[in-house]
Amino acid sequence: MPDPDMLSPLRAMHSLREPHVALLTQTMAGFAGRWTLERHESYDGDLTVLLVPTDPAERAFVISRSAEGFHLSRDHGDEMNSLGVFASFPDLLAALPARAPLTTTTNRSA
């Protein structure tokens, strides 16, 4: 089985897609703003989304996808703590704390 983190065009086949970003933005838009959605696209087309807090005391959420499913992690300094791997994107969205409202969307290249 190939390494799911390998950098290749095959990795992008399991990447987040625009409908995922749109659904995340729509889901989070109903809350008062405390988070910024940042898109990070690698050179091979792999898309990862960060929910970056406006409060520096809070930690960012990282949302990505691999062949195994949709990954939700929390940034803890130099470490990423996995909060789970989900079979569907709606399952991942349900796992996000409701108190994680979104403010704006920015685009960044990796």
C-alpha atoms as a PDB file:
ATOM      1  CA  MET A   1       0.000   0.000   0.000  1.00  0.00           C
ATOM      2  CA  PRO A   2       1.456   3.406  -0.931  1.00  0.00           C
ATOM      3  CA  ASP A   3       2.244   5.985   1.727  1.00  0.00           C
ATOM      4  CA  PRO A   4      -0.858   8.267   2.035  1.00  0.00           C
ATOM      5  CA  ASP A   5       1.389  11.263   2.729  1.00  0.00           C
ATOM      6  CA  MET A   6       3.558  10.835  -0.359  1.00  0.00           C
ATOM      7  CA  LEU A   7       3.871  13.842  -2.625  1.00  0.00           C
ATOM      8  CA  SER A   8       2.478  12.805  -5.974  1.00  0.00           C
ATOM      9  CA  PRO A   9      -0.449  13.540  -8.251  1.00  0.00           C
ATOM     10  CA  LEU A  10      -2.143  10.472  -6.760  1.00  0.00           C
ATOM     11  CA  ARG A  11      -2.290  12.182  -3.365  1.00  0.00           C
ATOM     12  CA  ALA A  12      -4.373  15.001  -4.825  1.00  0.00           C
ATOM     13  CA  MET A  13      -6.988  12.447  -5.900  1.00  0.00           C
ATOM     14  CA  HIS A  14      -7.923  12.152  -2.220  1.00  0.00           C
ATOM     15  CA  SER A  15      -7.686  15.874  -1.485  1.00  0.00           C
ATOM     16  CA  LEU A  16     -10.412  18.131  -0.191  1.00  0.00           C
ATOM     17  CA  ARG A  17     -12.471  19.605  -3.023  1.00  0.00           C
ATOM     18  CA  GLU A  18     -14.197  22.943  -3.591  1.00  0.00           C
ATOM     19  CA  PRO A  19     -17.605  21.583  -2.477  1.00  0.00           C
ATOM     20  CA  HIS A  20     -16.016  20.654   0.883  1.00  0.00           C
ATOM     21  CA  VAL A  21     -14.685  24.197   1.333  1.00  0.00           C
ATOM     22  CA  ALA A  22     -18.054  25.652   0.335  1.00  0.00           C
ATOM     23  CA  LEU A  23     -19.900  23.396   2.796  1.00  0.00           C
ATOM     24  CA  LEU A  24     -17.462  24.268   5.582  1.00  0.00           C
ATOM     25  CA  THR A  25     -17.839  27.989   4.859  1.00  0.00           C
ATOM     26  CA  GLN A  26     -21.637  27.681   4.759  1.00  0.00           C
ATOM     27  CA  THR A  27     -21.727  25.648   7.986  1.00  0.00           C
ATOM     28  CA  MET A  28     -19.533  28.071   9.898  1.00  0.00           C
ATOM     29  CA  ALA A  29     -21.082  31.281   8.501  1.00  0.00           C
ATOM     30  CA  GLY A  30     -24.005  31.140  10.910  1.00  0.00           C
ATOM     31  CA  PHE A  31     -21.777  31.843  13.920  1.00  0.00           C
ATOM     32  CA  ALA A  32     -20.294  35.119  15.175  1.00  0.00           C
ATOM     33  CA  GLY A  33     -16.711  35.482  13.886  1.00  0.00           C
ATOM     34  CA  ARG A  34     -13.740  34.094  15.792  1.00  0.00           C
ATOM     35  CA  TRP A  35     -11.992  32.049  13.104  1.00  0.00           C
ATOM     36  CA  THR A  36     -10.438  32.551   9.675  1.00  0.00           C
ATOM     37  CA  LEU A  37     -10.566  29.837   7.052  1.00  0.00           C
ATOM     38  CA  GLU A  38      -7.238  29.433   5.236  1.00  0.00           C
ATOM     39  CA  ARG A  39      -6.774  27.272   2.164  1.00  0.00           C
ATOM     40  CA  HIS A  40      -3.375  25.670   1.692  1.00  0.00           C
ATOM     41  CA  GLU A  41      -2.756  24.078  -1.680  1.00  0.00           C
ATOM     42  CA  SER A  42       0.435  22.154  -2.372  1.00  0.00           C
ATOM     43  CA  TYR A  43       2.142  22.122  -5.740  1.00  0.00           C
ATOM     44  CA  ASP A  44       0.591  18.720  -6.485  1.00  0.00           C
ATOM     45  CA  GLY A  45      -2.974  19.962  -5.925  1.00  0.00           C
ATOM     46  CA  ASP A  46      -3.512  18.667  -2.396  1.00  0.00           C
ATOM     47  CA  LEU A  47      -5.883  21.035  -0.552  1.00  0.00           C
ATOM     48  CA  THR A  48      -5.837  21.400   3.237  1.00  0.00           C
ATOM     49  CA  VAL A  49      -7.977  23.848   5.212  1.00  0.00           C
ATOM     50  CA  LEU A  50      -6.986  25.524   8.459  1.00  0.00           C
ATOM     51  CA  LEU A  51      -9.430  27.165  10.833  1.00  0.00           C
ATOM     52  CA  VAL A  52      -7.181  29.776  12.415  1.00  0.00           C
ATOM     53  CA  PRO A  53      -8.422  31.462  15.609  1.00  0.00           C
ATOM     54  CA  THR A  54      -8.368  35.236  15.979  1.00  0.00           C
ATOM     55  CA  ASP A  55      -7.562  34.642  19.661  1.00  0.00           C
ATOM     56  CA  PRO A  56      -3.848  33.689  19.877  1.00  0.00           C
ATOM     57  CA  ALA A  57      -4.560  31.659  23.021  1.00  0.00           C
ATOM     58  CA  GLU A  58      -6.601  29.176  20.972  1.00  0.00           C
ATOM     59  CA  ARG A  59      -5.255  26.510  18.590  1.00  0.00           C
ATOM     60  CA  ALA A  60      -6.051  26.034  14.919  1.00  0.00           C
ATOM     61  CA  PHE A  61      -8.041  23.160  13.467  1.00  0.00           C
ATOM     62  CA  VAL A  62      -6.577  21.372  10.437  1.00  0.00           C
ATOM     63  CA  ILE A  63      -8.911  19.643   7.980  1.00  0.00           C
ATOM     64  CA  SER A  64      -7.532  17.366   5.295  1.00  0.00           C
ATOM     65  CA  ARG A  65      -8.385  14.236   3.370  1.00  0.00           C
ATOM     66  CA  SER A  66      -6.571  11.049   2.455  1.00  0.00           C
ATOM     67  CA  ALA A  67      -7.552   7.641   1.120  1.00  0.00           C
ATOM     68  CA  GLU A  68      -8.512   6.759   4.700  1.00  0.00           C
ATOM     69  CA  GLY A  69     -11.095   9.551   5.052  1.00  0.00           C
ATOM     70  CA  PHE A  70     -11.502  13.127   6.256  1.00  0.00           C
ATOM     71  CA  HIS A  71      -8.998  14.118   8.959  1.00  0.00           C
ATOM     72  CA  LEU A  72      -9.642  16.603  11.756  1.00  0.00           C
ATOM     73  CA  SER A  73      -6.627  17.659  13.814  1.00  0.00           C
ATOM     74  CA  ARG A  74      -5.832  20.392  16.290  1.00  0.00           C
ATOM     75  CA  ASP A  75      -2.590  22.347  16.198  1.00  0.00           C
ATOM     76  CA  HIS A  76      -0.632  22.175  19.443  1.00  0.00           C
ATOM     77  CA  GLY A  77       2.567  24.125  18.750  1.00  0.00           C
ATOM     78  CA  ASP A  78       4.956  21.836  16.908  1.00  0.00           C
ATOM     79  CA  GLU A  79       2.541  18.901  17.108  1.00  0.00           C
ATOM     80  CA  MET A  80      -0.734  17.977  15.484  1.00  0.00           C
ATOM     81  CA  ASN A  81      -3.208  16.099  17.635  1.00  0.00           C
ATOM     82  CA  SER A  82      -5.649  13.987  15.663  1.00  0.00           C
ATOM     83  CA  LEU A  83      -9.265  14.439  16.674  1.00  0.00           C
ATOM     84  CA  GLY A  84     -10.395  11.698  14.318  1.00  0.00           C
ATOM     85  CA  VAL A  85     -10.736  10.350  10.816  1.00  0.00           C
ATOM     86  CA  PHE A  86     -14.274  10.474   9.438  1.00  0.00           C
ATOM     87  CA  ALA A  87     -15.932   8.522   6.642  1.00  0.00           C
ATOM     88  CA  SER A  88     -17.866  11.553   5.382  1.00  0.00           C
ATOM     89  CA  PHE A  89     -17.384  15.302   5.404  1.00  0.00           C
ATOM     90  CA  PRO A  90     -20.700  15.921   7.223  1.00  0.00           C
ATOM     91  CA  ASP A  91     -19.447  13.593   9.994  1.00  0.00           C
ATOM     92  CA  LEU A  92     -16.312  15.738  10.298  1.00  0.00           C
ATOM     93  CA  LEU A  93     -18.373  18.934  10.394  1.00  0.00           C
ATOM     94  CA  ALA A  94     -20.498  17.483  13.189  1.00  0.00           C
ATOM     95  CA  ALA A  95     -17.316  16.902  15.223  1.00  0.00           C
ATOM     96  CA  LEU A  96     -16.283  20.581  15.068  1.00  0.00           C
ATOM     97  CA  PRO A  97     -17.197  22.512  18.202  1.00  0.00           C
ATOM     98  CA  ALA A  98     -20.194  24.780  17.550  1.00  0.00           C
ATOM     99  CA  ARG A  99     -18.252  27.570  19.240  1.00  0.00           C
ATOM    100  CA  ALA A 100     -15.738  27.660  16.347  1.00  0.00           C
ATOM    101  CA  PRO A 101     -17.321  30.415  14.217  1.00  0.00           C
ATOM    102  CA  LEU A 102     -15.717  31.497  10.963  1.00  0.00           C
ATOM    103  CA  THR A 103     -14.758  35.073  10.075  1.00  0.00           C
ATOM    104  CA  THR A 104     -13.217  35.271   6.607  1.00  0.00           C
ATOM    105  CA  THR A 105     -11.788  33.119   3.848  1.00  0.00           C
ATOM    106  CA  THR A 106      -8.238  33.581   2.602  1.00  0.00           C
ATOM    107  CA  ASN A 107      -6.284  31.753  -0.068  1.00  0.00           C
ATOM    108  CA  ARG A 108      -2.689  30.741   0.419  1.00  0.00           C
ATOM    109  CA  SER A 109      -0.421  28.548  -1.641  1.00  0.00           C
ATOM    110  CA  ALA A 110       1.877  26.068   0.067  1.00  0.00           C
END
